[in-house]
Amino acid sequence: MERVVSASAGIPVQVFLVDDEVGVTDALSWLLESVKIPSRAFHSASAFLSALDRFDGPACAVLDLRMPEMSGLELQQRLAEAGHDLPLIFLTAHGDVPAAVHAMQAGAVDFVQKPFNPNAFLASVRRAIQQARKRYEARTADRELLRRIAQLSAREVEVLRGLLDGRTSKEIARSLAISPKTVDVHRANVMRKMGAATSAELVRMVGRAPGVSSAARR
C-alpha cells in the first residue's frame, strides 16, 4: 500500500544569512562552509524577502537584530505574515538581549551575541536545520495529501467526510441515500487513492494536519 513519504531526506537545508555588514556575512559563510553547510548571504531584508518568495525547500535564517532598512524583529513579523515558517536565529549585540528575548517569545530558535562563539553558533544553526527539515517534511506531506484528496470524486469526498466524523458505512449510507455496499466501494477507493490500509489510518493521516482536514470537509 502506498504511503505519504517525505522526499526531503537528500535535500540540504539552505541557511540564509541576513546582515547589512558584509564582513559579518562573509565570516558566517566561511564558518558554515568549513562544516559543509550551504548558506546564502543578503545585506538587506528586502533582498532576502524577494529571494525567499522564489525559494521552495527546507531553510532557516540567521538575522541581524539591528539593520537600517528593517530590524530583525520587523523582518520576523513580515515572515510570519507572509506564511514563512523558517526557524530563525538572531545575531545581537550585548544591549539587545531584551529584544532578543522578545524574538524568542515570537518563535525564534535562538539568539547569538556578537562577537559570537563559533561552536555555539554552529550548534544553534544545527538545531535550526533540524527544525527546518521537520517543518519542510510536514509541508511536503500535507501537499501530497491535498493532491490525493483532489483526485477523489465528489461522492468519495462525501464518504471521506463521513469517515472523518467517525460514522459507520450504514450511517454514511443513510445520510447520502445510497446503499451500505456502495459506501464500502467508495471507501475502498478512498483508501486506495489516499494510500491508507485501514479507516483508522486514514483518519489519523488526514486528521493530523488541520489544513488538510479542512480541505477534506469543504
N, C-alpha and C. Protein backbone atom coordinates (compact mmCIF):
# COMPACT_ATOMS: atom_id res chain seq x y z
N MET A 1 0.84 -1.19 0.00
CA MET A 1 0.00 0.00 0.00
C MET A 1 0.88 1.25 0.00
N GLU A 2 0.55 2.21 -0.84
CA GLU A 2 1.36 3.43 -0.98
C GLU A 2 1.20 4.30 0.26
N ARG A 3 2.27 4.94 0.67
CA ARG A 3 2.25 5.82 1.85
C ARG A 3 2.72 7.21 1.47
N VAL A 4 2.37 8.18 2.33
CA VAL A 4 2.89 9.54 2.15
C VAL A 4 4.28 9.56 2.77
N VAL A 5 5.31 9.73 1.93
CA VAL A 5 6.69 9.72 2.43
C VAL A 5 7.36 11.03 2.13
N SER A 6 8.27 11.44 3.02
CA SER A 6 8.99 12.68 2.80
C SER A 6 10.00 12.50 1.68
N ALA A 7 10.08 13.53 0.82
CA ALA A 7 11.07 13.49 -0.26
C ALA A 7 12.26 14.38 0.05
N SER A 8 12.38 14.82 1.31
CA SER A 8 13.39 15.84 1.62
C SER A 8 14.66 15.27 2.22
N ALA A 9 14.73 13.95 2.39
CA ALA A 9 15.87 13.37 3.10
C ALA A 9 17.20 13.75 2.46
N GLY A 10 17.25 13.83 1.12
CA GLY A 10 18.51 14.14 0.47
C GLY A 10 18.68 15.59 0.11
N ILE A 11 17.74 16.45 0.51
CA ILE A 11 17.81 17.86 0.16
C ILE A 11 18.52 18.63 1.27
N PRO A 12 19.63 19.32 0.97
CA PRO A 12 20.30 20.09 2.02
C PRO A 12 19.45 21.28 2.46
N VAL A 13 19.53 21.60 3.74
CA VAL A 13 18.82 22.76 4.27
C VAL A 13 19.61 24.02 3.95
N GLN A 14 18.97 24.98 3.32
CA GLN A 14 19.62 26.25 2.99
C GLN A 14 19.61 27.18 4.20
N VAL A 15 20.77 27.70 4.55
CA VAL A 15 20.87 28.68 5.63
C VAL A 15 20.99 30.06 5.01
N PHE A 16 20.01 30.92 5.27
CA PHE A 16 20.05 32.30 4.78
C PHE A 16 20.68 33.18 5.85
N LEU A 17 21.61 34.02 5.43
CA LEU A 17 22.28 34.97 6.33
C LEU A 17 21.85 36.37 5.94
N VAL A 18 21.24 37.10 6.88
CA VAL A 18 20.74 38.45 6.59
C VAL A 18 21.37 39.43 7.56
N ASP A 19 22.32 40.22 7.05
CA ASP A 19 23.03 41.20 7.88
C ASP A 19 23.55 42.28 6.94
N ASP A 20 23.41 43.54 7.34
CA ASP A 20 23.85 44.62 6.45
C ASP A 20 25.37 44.76 6.41
N GLU A 21 26.08 44.08 7.29
CA GLU A 21 27.53 44.14 7.31
C GLU A 21 28.12 42.98 6.51
N VAL A 22 28.79 43.30 5.41
CA VAL A 22 29.36 42.27 4.54
C VAL A 22 30.39 41.42 5.29
N GLY A 23 31.17 42.07 6.16
CA GLY A 23 32.18 41.33 6.90
C GLY A 23 31.57 40.25 7.77
N VAL A 24 30.39 40.51 8.33
CA VAL A 24 29.73 39.53 9.19
C VAL A 24 29.26 38.34 8.37
N THR A 25 28.58 38.62 7.25
CA THR A 25 28.08 37.50 6.44
C THR A 25 29.23 36.70 5.83
N ASP A 26 30.33 37.38 5.48
CA ASP A 26 31.49 36.66 4.95
C ASP A 26 32.05 35.69 6.00
N ALA A 27 32.14 36.17 7.23
CA ALA A 27 32.68 35.33 8.30
C ALA A 27 31.76 34.14 8.59
N LEU A 28 30.45 34.41 8.60
CA LEU A 28 29.49 33.33 8.86
C LEU A 28 29.49 32.32 7.72
N SER A 29 29.54 32.82 6.49
CA SER A 29 29.57 31.92 5.32
C SER A 29 30.79 31.02 5.36
N TRP A 30 31.94 31.59 5.68
CA TRP A 30 33.17 30.81 5.75
C TRP A 30 33.06 29.73 6.83
N LEU A 31 32.52 30.12 8.00
CA LEU A 31 32.39 29.17 9.10
C LEU A 31 31.46 28.02 8.71
N LEU A 32 30.33 28.34 8.11
CA LEU A 32 29.39 27.30 7.71
C LEU A 32 29.97 26.41 6.61
N GLU A 33 30.67 27.03 5.69
CA GLU A 33 31.29 26.26 4.60
C GLU A 33 32.32 25.29 5.14
N SER A 34 32.98 25.67 6.23
CA SER A 34 34.03 24.81 6.80
C SER A 34 33.45 23.50 7.34
N VAL A 35 32.13 23.49 7.64
CA VAL A 35 31.49 22.25 8.10
C VAL A 35 30.46 21.76 7.08
N LYS A 36 30.64 22.25 5.83
CA LYS A 36 29.83 21.80 4.69
C LYS A 36 28.34 22.09 4.85
N ILE A 37 28.02 23.26 5.42
CA ILE A 37 26.63 23.72 5.50
C ILE A 37 26.45 24.82 4.47
N PRO A 38 25.55 24.64 3.48
CA PRO A 38 25.37 25.67 2.45
C PRO A 38 24.68 26.91 3.01
N SER A 39 25.10 28.08 2.54
CA SER A 39 24.49 29.32 3.01
C SER A 39 24.40 30.30 1.85
N ARG A 40 23.56 31.30 2.04
CA ARG A 40 23.41 32.37 1.05
C ARG A 40 23.21 33.67 1.80
N ALA A 41 24.00 34.68 1.44
CA ALA A 41 24.01 35.93 2.20
C ALA A 41 23.18 37.01 1.51
N PHE A 42 22.52 37.83 2.34
CA PHE A 42 21.78 39.01 1.88
C PHE A 42 22.13 40.17 2.81
N HIS A 43 22.21 41.36 2.21
CA HIS A 43 22.61 42.51 3.01
C HIS A 43 21.48 43.51 3.19
N SER A 44 20.26 43.06 2.88
CA SER A 44 19.06 43.86 3.19
C SER A 44 17.89 42.90 3.35
N ALA A 45 16.94 43.31 4.17
CA ALA A 45 15.75 42.49 4.41
C ALA A 45 14.93 42.34 3.14
N SER A 46 14.83 43.41 2.36
CA SER A 46 14.01 43.36 1.15
C SER A 46 14.56 42.37 0.12
N ALA A 47 15.89 42.33 -0.02
CA ALA A 47 16.51 41.39 -0.95
C ALA A 47 16.25 39.95 -0.50
N PHE A 48 16.32 39.73 0.79
CA PHE A 48 16.06 38.39 1.34
C PHE A 48 14.61 37.98 1.09
N LEU A 49 13.66 38.88 1.37
CA LEU A 49 12.24 38.56 1.18
C LEU A 49 11.94 38.26 -0.29
N SER A 50 12.54 39.02 -1.18
CA SER A 50 12.33 38.81 -2.60
C SER A 50 12.83 37.44 -3.03
N ALA A 51 14.00 37.05 -2.55
CA ALA A 51 14.56 35.74 -2.91
C ALA A 51 13.75 34.61 -2.28
N LEU A 52 13.27 34.83 -1.07
CA LEU A 52 12.53 33.78 -0.37
C LEU A 52 11.22 33.46 -1.08
N ASP A 53 10.61 34.45 -1.70
CA ASP A 53 9.35 34.22 -2.42
C ASP A 53 9.55 33.27 -3.59
N ARG A 54 10.79 33.14 -4.07
CA ARG A 54 11.06 32.25 -5.20
C ARG A 54 11.72 30.94 -4.77
N PHE A 55 11.83 30.73 -3.46
CA PHE A 55 12.52 29.56 -2.93
C PHE A 55 11.51 28.55 -2.41
N ASP A 56 11.73 27.29 -2.72
CA ASP A 56 10.85 26.24 -2.21
C ASP A 56 11.71 25.06 -1.78
N GLY A 57 12.03 25.03 -0.51
CA GLY A 57 12.86 23.96 0.02
C GLY A 57 13.04 24.16 1.51
N PRO A 58 13.73 23.23 2.17
CA PRO A 58 13.97 23.40 3.61
C PRO A 58 14.99 24.52 3.85
N ALA A 59 14.69 25.41 4.77
CA ALA A 59 15.59 26.55 5.01
C ALA A 59 15.41 27.09 6.42
N CYS A 60 16.45 27.75 6.90
CA CYS A 60 16.40 28.51 8.14
C CYS A 60 17.15 29.81 7.87
N ALA A 61 17.09 30.74 8.81
CA ALA A 61 17.71 32.04 8.57
C ALA A 61 18.39 32.57 9.83
N VAL A 62 19.51 33.25 9.60
CA VAL A 62 20.23 33.96 10.66
C VAL A 62 20.04 35.44 10.38
N LEU A 63 19.39 36.16 11.31
CA LEU A 63 19.06 37.57 11.09
C LEU A 63 19.79 38.46 12.08
N ASP A 64 20.32 39.56 11.57
CA ASP A 64 20.85 40.58 12.48
C ASP A 64 19.68 41.31 13.12
N LEU A 65 19.76 41.52 14.41
CA LEU A 65 18.64 42.18 15.09
C LEU A 65 18.52 43.64 14.68
N ARG A 66 19.66 44.29 14.43
CA ARG A 66 19.64 45.72 14.07
C ARG A 66 20.12 45.89 12.63
N MET A 67 19.19 46.29 11.78
CA MET A 67 19.53 46.60 10.38
C MET A 67 18.85 47.91 10.02
N PRO A 68 19.46 48.71 9.16
CA PRO A 68 18.93 50.06 8.88
C PRO A 68 17.59 50.07 8.16
N GLU A 69 17.40 49.19 7.20
CA GLU A 69 16.17 49.22 6.41
C GLU A 69 14.97 48.66 7.18
N MET A 70 15.20 47.54 7.84
CA MET A 70 14.15 46.84 8.57
C MET A 70 14.82 46.04 9.68
N SER A 71 14.36 46.18 10.90
CA SER A 71 15.00 45.47 12.00
C SER A 71 14.71 43.97 11.90
N GLY A 72 15.50 43.20 12.63
CA GLY A 72 15.28 41.76 12.63
C GLY A 72 13.90 41.39 13.15
N LEU A 73 13.43 42.12 14.18
CA LEU A 73 12.09 41.84 14.72
C LEU A 73 11.01 42.16 13.69
N GLU A 74 11.18 43.27 12.96
CA GLU A 74 10.21 43.61 11.91
C GLU A 74 10.23 42.56 10.80
N LEU A 75 11.42 42.09 10.47
CA LEU A 75 11.53 41.06 9.45
C LEU A 75 10.88 39.76 9.93
N GLN A 76 11.06 39.42 11.18
CA GLN A 76 10.42 38.24 11.74
C GLN A 76 8.89 38.33 11.60
N GLN A 77 8.36 39.52 11.87
CA GLN A 77 6.91 39.72 11.75
C GLN A 77 6.46 39.61 10.29
N ARG A 78 7.25 40.19 9.38
CA ARG A 78 6.90 40.12 7.96
C ARG A 78 6.88 38.66 7.49
N LEU A 79 7.85 37.88 7.94
CA LEU A 79 7.91 36.48 7.55
C LEU A 79 6.67 35.73 8.04
N ALA A 80 6.27 36.01 9.28
CA ALA A 80 5.09 35.35 9.84
C ALA A 80 3.84 35.73 9.06
N GLU A 81 3.72 37.02 8.73
CA GLU A 81 2.55 37.49 8.00
C GLU A 81 2.47 36.88 6.60
N ALA A 82 3.63 36.60 5.99
CA ALA A 82 3.68 36.02 4.65
C ALA A 82 3.54 34.50 4.67
N GLY A 83 3.45 33.92 5.86
CA GLY A 83 3.28 32.47 5.97
C GLY A 83 4.56 31.67 5.89
N HIS A 84 5.72 32.34 6.01
CA HIS A 84 7.00 31.63 6.00
C HIS A 84 7.32 31.18 7.43
N ASP A 85 7.49 29.87 7.61
CA ASP A 85 7.74 29.37 8.97
C ASP A 85 9.19 28.92 9.16
N LEU A 86 10.11 29.73 8.66
CA LEU A 86 11.52 29.41 8.80
C LEU A 86 11.97 29.49 10.26
N PRO A 87 12.75 28.52 10.73
CA PRO A 87 13.40 28.67 12.04
C PRO A 87 14.39 29.83 11.96
N LEU A 88 14.38 30.70 12.96
CA LEU A 88 15.21 31.91 12.94
C LEU A 88 16.20 31.93 14.09
N ILE A 89 17.41 32.39 13.78
CA ILE A 89 18.42 32.68 14.80
C ILE A 89 18.75 34.15 14.68
N PHE A 90 18.84 34.84 15.81
CA PHE A 90 19.15 36.27 15.79
C PHE A 90 20.57 36.52 16.27
N LEU A 91 21.27 37.41 15.55
CA LEU A 91 22.56 37.90 15.99
C LEU A 91 22.33 39.21 16.73
N THR A 92 22.84 39.33 17.94
CA THR A 92 22.56 40.51 18.75
C THR A 92 23.82 41.06 19.38
N ALA A 93 23.79 42.37 19.64
CA ALA A 93 24.83 43.00 20.45
C ALA A 93 24.44 42.83 21.92
N HIS A 94 25.36 43.14 22.82
CA HIS A 94 25.13 42.91 24.24
C HIS A 94 23.87 43.61 24.75
N GLY A 95 23.64 44.84 24.30
CA GLY A 95 22.50 45.60 24.80
C GLY A 95 21.17 45.20 24.20
N ASP A 96 21.15 44.23 23.30
CA ASP A 96 19.92 43.85 22.61
C ASP A 96 19.23 42.65 23.24
N VAL A 97 19.69 42.21 24.40
CA VAL A 97 19.14 40.99 24.99
C VAL A 97 17.63 41.07 25.20
N PRO A 98 17.07 42.17 25.74
CA PRO A 98 15.59 42.21 25.89
C PRO A 98 14.85 42.03 24.56
N ALA A 99 15.36 42.63 23.50
CA ALA A 99 14.74 42.46 22.19
C ALA A 99 14.89 41.03 21.71
N ALA A 100 16.03 40.43 21.99
CA ALA A 100 16.25 39.05 21.58
C ALA A 100 15.29 38.11 22.31
N VAL A 101 15.05 38.39 23.57
CA VAL A 101 14.07 37.59 24.34
C VAL A 101 12.70 37.71 23.70
N HIS A 102 12.34 38.92 23.25
CA HIS A 102 11.06 39.13 22.57
C HIS A 102 11.01 38.28 21.29
N ALA A 103 12.13 38.22 20.58
CA ALA A 103 12.19 37.40 19.36
C ALA A 103 11.99 35.93 19.68
N MET A 104 12.57 35.48 20.79
CA MET A 104 12.40 34.08 21.18
C MET A 104 10.95 33.79 21.53
N GLN A 105 10.31 34.74 22.19
CA GLN A 105 8.90 34.56 22.54
C GLN A 105 8.02 34.50 21.29
N ALA A 106 8.50 35.11 20.20
CA ALA A 106 7.76 35.10 18.94
C ALA A 106 8.13 33.89 18.08
N GLY A 107 8.93 32.97 18.63
CA GLY A 107 9.21 31.72 17.93
C GLY A 107 10.61 31.51 17.43
N ALA A 108 11.55 32.43 17.71
CA ALA A 108 12.92 32.24 17.24
C ALA A 108 13.56 31.02 17.92
N VAL A 109 14.48 30.39 17.23
CA VAL A 109 15.16 29.22 17.77
C VAL A 109 16.18 29.61 18.83
N ASP A 110 16.92 30.71 18.57
CA ASP A 110 18.00 31.09 19.48
C ASP A 110 18.45 32.50 19.14
N PHE A 111 19.22 33.09 20.03
CA PHE A 111 19.92 34.33 19.69
C PHE A 111 21.37 34.19 20.13
N VAL A 112 22.25 34.72 19.29
CA VAL A 112 23.70 34.59 19.50
C VAL A 112 24.29 35.98 19.62
N GLN A 113 25.01 36.23 20.69
CA GLN A 113 25.57 37.57 20.91
C GLN A 113 26.87 37.74 20.14
N LYS A 114 27.04 38.94 19.59
CA LYS A 114 28.30 39.31 18.94
C LYS A 114 29.26 39.86 20.00
N PRO A 115 30.56 39.59 19.89
CA PRO A 115 31.18 38.62 18.98
C PRO A 115 30.79 37.20 19.39
N PHE A 116 30.45 36.38 18.43
CA PHE A 116 29.89 35.07 18.75
C PHE A 116 30.97 34.01 18.88
N ASN A 117 30.64 32.99 19.65
CA ASN A 117 31.49 31.82 19.77
C ASN A 117 31.18 30.89 18.61
N PRO A 118 32.16 30.53 17.78
CA PRO A 118 31.89 29.70 16.59
C PRO A 118 31.17 28.39 16.90
N ASN A 119 31.59 27.72 17.97
CA ASN A 119 30.95 26.44 18.30
C ASN A 119 29.51 26.63 18.74
N ALA A 120 29.25 27.69 19.52
CA ALA A 120 27.88 27.96 19.96
C ALA A 120 27.01 28.33 18.77
N PHE A 121 27.58 29.10 17.83
CA PHE A 121 26.82 29.48 16.64
C PHE A 121 26.47 28.24 15.81
N LEU A 122 27.45 27.37 15.59
CA LEU A 122 27.21 26.17 14.79
C LEU A 122 26.19 25.26 15.47
N ALA A 123 26.21 25.19 16.78
CA ALA A 123 25.23 24.36 17.49
C ALA A 123 23.82 24.91 17.28
N SER A 124 23.70 26.25 17.32
CA SER A 124 22.39 26.87 17.08
C SER A 124 21.91 26.62 15.66
N VAL A 125 22.82 26.74 14.71
CA VAL A 125 22.45 26.51 13.30
C VAL A 125 22.01 25.06 13.10
N ARG A 126 22.69 24.14 13.73
CA ARG A 126 22.31 22.73 13.56
C ARG A 126 20.92 22.46 14.15
N ARG A 127 20.60 23.11 15.27
CA ARG A 127 19.24 22.97 15.82
C ARG A 127 18.22 23.54 14.85
N ALA A 128 18.54 24.70 14.28
CA ALA A 128 17.62 25.32 13.32
C ALA A 128 17.45 24.44 12.08
N ILE A 129 18.52 23.81 11.63
CA ILE A 129 18.47 22.93 10.46
C ILE A 129 17.55 21.74 10.73
N GLN A 130 17.65 21.18 11.93
CA GLN A 130 16.78 20.05 12.28
C GLN A 130 15.31 20.47 12.24
N GLN A 131 15.02 21.64 12.80
CA GLN A 131 13.65 22.14 12.78
C GLN A 131 13.18 22.42 11.36
N ALA A 132 14.07 23.01 10.55
CA ALA A 132 13.72 23.33 9.17
C ALA A 132 13.35 22.08 8.39
N ARG A 133 14.12 21.01 8.59
CA ARG A 133 13.83 19.77 7.88
C ARG A 133 12.48 19.19 8.31
N LYS A 134 12.21 19.20 9.61
CA LYS A 134 10.94 18.67 10.10
C LYS A 134 9.76 19.47 9.54
N ARG A 135 9.89 20.78 9.53
CA ARG A 135 8.80 21.62 9.03
C ARG A 135 8.60 21.40 7.53
N TYR A 136 9.69 21.27 6.80
CA TYR A 136 9.58 21.05 5.37
C TYR A 136 8.95 19.69 5.08
N GLU A 137 9.34 18.68 5.84
CA GLU A 137 8.75 17.35 5.66
C GLU A 137 7.25 17.39 5.92
N ALA A 138 6.83 18.14 6.95
CA ALA A 138 5.40 18.25 7.25
C ALA A 138 4.66 18.95 6.12
N ARG A 139 5.25 20.04 5.60
CA ARG A 139 4.61 20.75 4.48
C ARG A 139 4.52 19.87 3.24
N THR A 140 5.58 19.11 2.98
CA THR A 140 5.60 18.24 1.81
C THR A 140 4.53 17.15 1.93
N ALA A 141 4.42 16.57 3.12
CA ALA A 141 3.41 15.53 3.34
C ALA A 141 2.00 16.11 3.20
N ASP A 142 1.78 17.32 3.71
CA ASP A 142 0.47 17.95 3.60
C ASP A 142 0.10 18.23 2.15
N ARG A 143 1.09 18.71 1.37
CA ARG A 143 0.83 18.97 -0.05
C ARG A 143 0.46 17.68 -0.79
N GLU A 144 1.14 16.59 -0.43
CA GLU A 144 0.84 15.31 -1.07
C GLU A 144 -0.57 14.83 -0.70
N LEU A 145 -0.95 15.01 0.56
CA LEU A 145 -2.30 14.63 0.98
C LEU A 145 -3.35 15.46 0.24
N LEU A 146 -3.10 16.75 0.09
CA LEU A 146 -4.04 17.60 -0.64
C LEU A 146 -4.14 17.17 -2.10
N ARG A 147 -3.00 16.77 -2.68
CA ARG A 147 -3.03 16.30 -4.06
C ARG A 147 -3.89 15.05 -4.18
N ARG A 148 -3.77 14.15 -3.20
CA ARG A 148 -4.55 12.91 -3.23
C ARG A 148 -6.04 13.19 -3.02
N ILE A 149 -6.35 14.11 -2.12
CA ILE A 149 -7.76 14.48 -1.91
C ILE A 149 -8.36 15.05 -3.18
N ALA A 150 -7.56 15.82 -3.92
CA ALA A 150 -8.06 16.44 -5.16
C ALA A 150 -8.38 15.38 -6.22
N GLN A 151 -7.84 14.18 -6.09
CA GLN A 151 -8.10 13.11 -7.05
C GLN A 151 -9.39 12.35 -6.74
N LEU A 152 -9.98 12.59 -5.57
CA LEU A 152 -11.21 11.90 -5.20
C LEU A 152 -12.40 12.47 -5.95
N SER A 153 -13.35 11.61 -6.24
CA SER A 153 -14.60 12.08 -6.85
C SER A 153 -15.43 12.80 -5.79
N ALA A 154 -16.47 13.50 -6.22
CA ALA A 154 -17.33 14.23 -5.28
C ALA A 154 -17.95 13.27 -4.26
N ARG A 155 -18.40 12.09 -4.73
CA ARG A 155 -19.00 11.10 -3.83
C ARG A 155 -17.96 10.55 -2.86
N GLU A 156 -16.76 10.31 -3.35
CA GLU A 156 -15.70 9.80 -2.48
C GLU A 156 -15.34 10.81 -1.39
N VAL A 157 -15.37 12.09 -1.73
CA VAL A 157 -15.12 13.12 -0.72
C VAL A 157 -16.21 13.09 0.35
N GLU A 158 -17.45 12.88 -0.06
CA GLU A 158 -18.56 12.79 0.91
C GLU A 158 -18.36 11.60 1.84
N VAL A 159 -17.92 10.48 1.29
CA VAL A 159 -17.66 9.30 2.11
C VAL A 159 -16.48 9.58 3.05
N LEU A 160 -15.45 10.24 2.54
CA LEU A 160 -14.30 10.59 3.38
C LEU A 160 -14.74 11.46 4.56
N ARG A 161 -15.61 12.43 4.31
CA ARG A 161 -16.12 13.27 5.40
C ARG A 161 -16.82 12.43 6.46
N GLY A 162 -17.61 11.46 6.00
CA GLY A 162 -18.28 10.59 6.96
C GLY A 162 -17.31 9.80 7.79
N LEU A 163 -16.26 9.28 7.16
CA LEU A 163 -15.24 8.53 7.89
C LEU A 163 -14.53 9.41 8.91
N LEU A 164 -14.23 10.66 8.51
CA LEU A 164 -13.57 11.58 9.44
C LEU A 164 -14.45 11.92 10.62
N ASP A 165 -15.77 11.87 10.41
CA ASP A 165 -16.71 12.14 11.50
C ASP A 165 -16.97 10.91 12.36
N GLY A 166 -16.32 9.78 12.00
CA GLY A 166 -16.46 8.57 12.80
C GLY A 166 -17.73 7.78 12.53
N ARG A 167 -18.37 8.03 11.39
CA ARG A 167 -19.62 7.33 11.10
C ARG A 167 -19.36 5.97 10.45
N THR A 168 -20.29 5.04 10.66
CA THR A 168 -20.20 3.72 10.05
C THR A 168 -20.70 3.79 8.61
N SER A 169 -20.49 2.69 7.88
CA SER A 169 -20.97 2.63 6.49
C SER A 169 -22.48 2.80 6.43
N LYS A 170 -23.19 2.19 7.37
CA LYS A 170 -24.65 2.31 7.38
C LYS A 170 -25.08 3.76 7.62
N GLU A 171 -24.39 4.43 8.55
CA GLU A 171 -24.74 5.83 8.85
C GLU A 171 -24.43 6.73 7.66
N ILE A 172 -23.30 6.48 7.01
CA ILE A 172 -22.96 7.28 5.82
C ILE A 172 -23.97 7.01 4.71
N ALA A 173 -24.34 5.74 4.56
CA ALA A 173 -25.31 5.38 3.52
C ALA A 173 -26.64 6.09 3.74
N ARG A 174 -27.11 6.12 4.97
CA ARG A 174 -28.39 6.81 5.25
C ARG A 174 -28.29 8.29 4.93
N SER A 175 -27.17 8.92 5.30
CA SER A 175 -27.04 10.36 5.08
C SER A 175 -26.93 10.70 3.59
N LEU A 176 -26.40 9.77 2.79
CA LEU A 176 -26.21 10.02 1.35
C LEU A 176 -27.30 9.38 0.50
N ALA A 177 -28.21 8.64 1.16
CA ALA A 177 -29.30 7.95 0.46
C ALA A 177 -28.77 6.96 -0.58
N ILE A 178 -27.75 6.20 -0.18
CA ILE A 178 -27.22 5.14 -1.04
C ILE A 178 -27.08 3.89 -0.18
N SER A 179 -26.74 2.77 -0.79
CA SER A 179 -26.64 1.52 -0.03
C SER A 179 -25.30 1.42 0.69
N PRO A 180 -25.28 0.67 1.81
CA PRO A 180 -24.02 0.46 2.52
C PRO A 180 -22.96 -0.20 1.63
N LYS A 181 -23.36 -1.09 0.73
CA LYS A 181 -22.39 -1.72 -0.17
C LYS A 181 -21.74 -0.69 -1.08
N THR A 182 -22.55 0.27 -1.55
CA THR A 182 -21.99 1.33 -2.40
C THR A 182 -21.00 2.18 -1.60
N VAL A 183 -21.35 2.44 -0.33
CA VAL A 183 -20.43 3.18 0.54
C VAL A 183 -19.11 2.42 0.69
N ASP A 184 -19.20 1.10 0.86
CA ASP A 184 -17.99 0.30 1.03
C ASP A 184 -17.10 0.36 -0.22
N VAL A 185 -17.72 0.39 -1.39
CA VAL A 185 -16.96 0.51 -2.63
C VAL A 185 -16.23 1.85 -2.68
N HIS A 186 -16.96 2.92 -2.34
CA HIS A 186 -16.34 4.25 -2.33
C HIS A 186 -15.24 4.34 -1.27
N ARG A 187 -15.50 3.72 -0.12
CA ARG A 187 -14.50 3.76 0.95
C ARG A 187 -13.22 3.05 0.52
N ALA A 188 -13.36 1.91 -0.16
CA ALA A 188 -12.18 1.20 -0.66
C ALA A 188 -11.42 2.06 -1.66
N ASN A 189 -12.15 2.77 -2.52
CA ASN A 189 -11.50 3.65 -3.49
C ASN A 189 -10.77 4.80 -2.78
N VAL A 190 -11.41 5.34 -1.75
CA VAL A 190 -10.80 6.44 -0.99
C VAL A 190 -9.49 5.98 -0.36
N MET A 191 -9.52 4.82 0.29
CA MET A 191 -8.32 4.34 0.97
C MET A 191 -7.21 4.01 -0.02
N ARG A 192 -7.60 3.48 -1.19
CA ARG A 192 -6.59 3.19 -2.21
C ARG A 192 -5.94 4.48 -2.71
N LYS A 193 -6.76 5.47 -3.03
CA LYS A 193 -6.23 6.72 -3.57
C LYS A 193 -5.44 7.51 -2.52
N MET A 194 -5.84 7.41 -1.26
CA MET A 194 -5.16 8.13 -0.19
C MET A 194 -3.94 7.38 0.33
N GLY A 195 -3.83 6.07 0.00
CA GLY A 195 -2.69 5.29 0.46
C GLY A 195 -2.80 4.86 1.90
N ALA A 196 -4.02 4.56 2.34
CA ALA A 196 -4.25 4.12 3.72
C ALA A 196 -4.70 2.67 3.73
N ALA A 197 -4.21 1.89 4.69
CA ALA A 197 -4.56 0.47 4.77
C ALA A 197 -5.88 0.25 5.49
N THR A 198 -6.21 1.14 6.43
CA THR A 198 -7.43 1.00 7.22
C THR A 198 -8.10 2.37 7.36
N SER A 199 -9.37 2.33 7.76
CA SER A 199 -10.09 3.59 8.00
C SER A 199 -9.44 4.38 9.13
N ALA A 200 -8.98 3.66 10.16
CA ALA A 200 -8.34 4.34 11.30
C ALA A 200 -7.07 5.05 10.85
N GLU A 201 -6.29 4.40 9.99
CA GLU A 201 -5.08 5.03 9.47
C GLU A 201 -5.42 6.25 8.63
N LEU A 202 -6.49 6.14 7.84
CA LEU A 202 -6.93 7.25 7.01
C LEU A 202 -7.29 8.46 7.87
N VAL A 203 -8.04 8.21 8.95
CA VAL A 203 -8.45 9.30 9.84
C VAL A 203 -7.24 9.95 10.49
N ARG A 204 -6.26 9.14 10.92
CA ARG A 204 -5.04 9.69 11.52
C ARG A 204 -4.26 10.51 10.50
N MET A 205 -4.16 9.99 9.29
CA MET A 205 -3.39 10.63 8.23
C MET A 205 -3.94 12.02 7.91
N VAL A 206 -5.25 12.10 7.74
CA VAL A 206 -5.87 13.37 7.35
C VAL A 206 -6.06 14.28 8.56
N GLY A 207 -6.40 13.69 9.69
CA GLY A 207 -6.72 14.49 10.87
C GLY A 207 -5.54 15.18 11.51
N ARG A 208 -4.31 14.67 11.27
CA ARG A 208 -3.13 15.27 11.93
C ARG A 208 -2.80 16.65 11.37
N ALA A 209 -3.30 16.95 10.16
CA ALA A 209 -2.98 18.24 9.52
C ALA A 209 -4.26 19.06 9.40
N PRO A 210 -4.42 20.12 10.22
CA PRO A 210 -5.66 20.90 10.21
C PRO A 210 -6.04 21.42 8.83
N GLY A 211 -5.05 21.89 8.06
CA GLY A 211 -5.35 22.43 6.74
C GLY A 211 -5.87 21.36 5.80
N VAL A 212 -5.29 20.16 5.88
CA VAL A 212 -5.73 19.06 5.03
C VAL A 212 -7.11 18.60 5.45
N SER A 213 -7.33 18.49 6.77
CA SER A 213 -8.64 18.07 7.27
C SER A 213 -9.72 19.03 6.84
N SER A 214 -9.42 20.33 6.90
CA SER A 214 -10.40 21.33 6.47
C SER A 214 -10.72 21.20 4.99
N ALA A 215 -9.69 20.93 4.17
CA ALA A 215 -9.90 20.78 2.73
C ALA A 215 -10.81 19.58 2.45
N ALA A 216 -10.63 18.51 3.22
CA ALA A 216 -11.44 17.30 3.02
C ALA A 216 -12.90 17.53 3.39
N ARG A 217 -13.14 18.50 4.29
CA ARG A 217 -14.50 18.74 4.77
C ARG A 217 -15.24 19.81 3.99
N ARG A 218 -14.59 20.44 3.02
CA ARG A 218 -15.26 21.51 2.27
C ARG A 218 -16.36 20.95 1.38
